[in-house]
């Protein structure tokens, strides 16, 4: 959200809270649980852009473990 070249950069000016930081593990866990409560057959989680990658590998390992 902070890269000047990002297609999403101008969106920051329109938000009440410009940046909320990295998603907390408890938020990710709650999201995953709610998705699987609604959909039993097939679920696809996708992360777009470079910003999600700053969460670090441990975040994604934890996310995948919870999904499985």
Protein backbone atom coordinates (compact mmCIF):
# COMPACT_ATOMS: atom_id res chain seq x y z
CA UNK A 1 0.00 0.00 0.00
CA UNK A 2 2.99 2.27 0.30
CA UNK A 3 4.66 1.80 -3.09
CA UNK A 4 4.29 4.89 -5.29
CA UNK A 5 4.03 2.75 -8.44
CA UNK A 6 1.25 0.52 -7.08
CA UNK A 7 -2.09 0.67 -8.89
CA UNK A 8 -3.72 0.82 -5.45
CA UNK A 9 -1.63 3.70 -4.08
CA UNK A 10 -4.21 6.41 -4.78
CA UNK A 11 -6.82 4.43 -2.80
CA UNK A 12 -5.06 5.29 0.48
CA UNK A 13 -6.23 8.90 0.25
CA UNK A 14 -9.87 7.76 0.15
CA UNK A 15 -9.74 5.64 3.31
CA UNK A 16 -10.47 6.65 6.89
CA UNK A 17 -7.63 4.37 8.04
CA UNK A 18 -4.90 4.35 5.36
CA UNK A 19 -3.14 1.14 6.42
CA UNK A 20 -4.15 -1.52 8.93
CA UNK A 21 -0.91 -3.51 8.92
CA UNK A 22 -0.38 -7.24 8.58
CA UNK A 23 -3.39 -9.49 9.18
CA UNK A 24 -3.28 -10.98 12.68
CA UNK A 25 -3.25 -14.78 12.99
CA UNK A 26 -6.50 -14.75 14.93
CA UNK A 27 -8.13 -12.76 12.10
CA UNK A 28 -6.86 -15.20 9.48
CA UNK A 29 -8.08 -18.16 11.55
CA UNK A 30 -11.54 -16.59 11.96
CA UNK A 31 -11.72 -15.86 8.22
CA UNK A 32 -10.81 -19.44 7.33
CA UNK A 33 -13.34 -20.87 9.78
CA UNK A 34 -16.16 -18.65 8.49
CA UNK A 35 -15.39 -19.51 4.87
CA UNK A 36 -15.56 -23.24 5.59
CA UNK A 37 -18.80 -22.79 7.54
CA UNK A 38 -20.35 -21.41 4.35
CA UNK A 39 -18.70 -23.53 1.66
CA UNK A 40 -18.15 -27.27 2.03
CA UNK A 41 -17.07 -28.25 -1.50
CA UNK A 42 -14.30 -26.05 -2.85
CA UNK A 43 -12.50 -23.02 -1.48
CA UNK A 44 -9.75 -20.95 -3.06
CA UNK A 45 -7.73 -18.38 -1.13
CA UNK A 46 -5.65 -15.94 -3.19
CA UNK A 47 -3.26 -13.21 -2.11
CA UNK A 48 -2.63 -10.39 -4.58
CA UNK A 49 0.39 -8.19 -5.04
CA UNK A 50 3.57 -7.75 -3.08
CA UNK A 51 2.16 -6.43 0.19
CA UNK A 52 0.89 -9.83 1.39
CA UNK A 53 4.39 -11.22 1.00
CA UNK A 54 5.70 -8.96 3.77
CA UNK A 55 3.67 -11.03 6.22
CA UNK A 56 6.48 -13.56 6.03
CA UNK A 57 6.69 -17.28 5.40
CA UNK A 58 5.53 -18.25 8.90
CA UNK A 59 2.22 -16.46 8.33
CA UNK A 60 1.57 -18.46 5.16
CA UNK A 61 2.65 -21.75 6.74
CA UNK A 62 0.19 -21.11 9.55
CA UNK A 63 -2.54 -20.13 7.06
CA UNK A 64 -2.07 -23.28 4.98
CA UNK A 65 -1.97 -25.47 8.10
CA UNK A 66 -5.28 -24.00 9.29
CA UNK A 67 -6.88 -24.48 5.86
CA UNK A 68 -5.81 -28.13 5.74
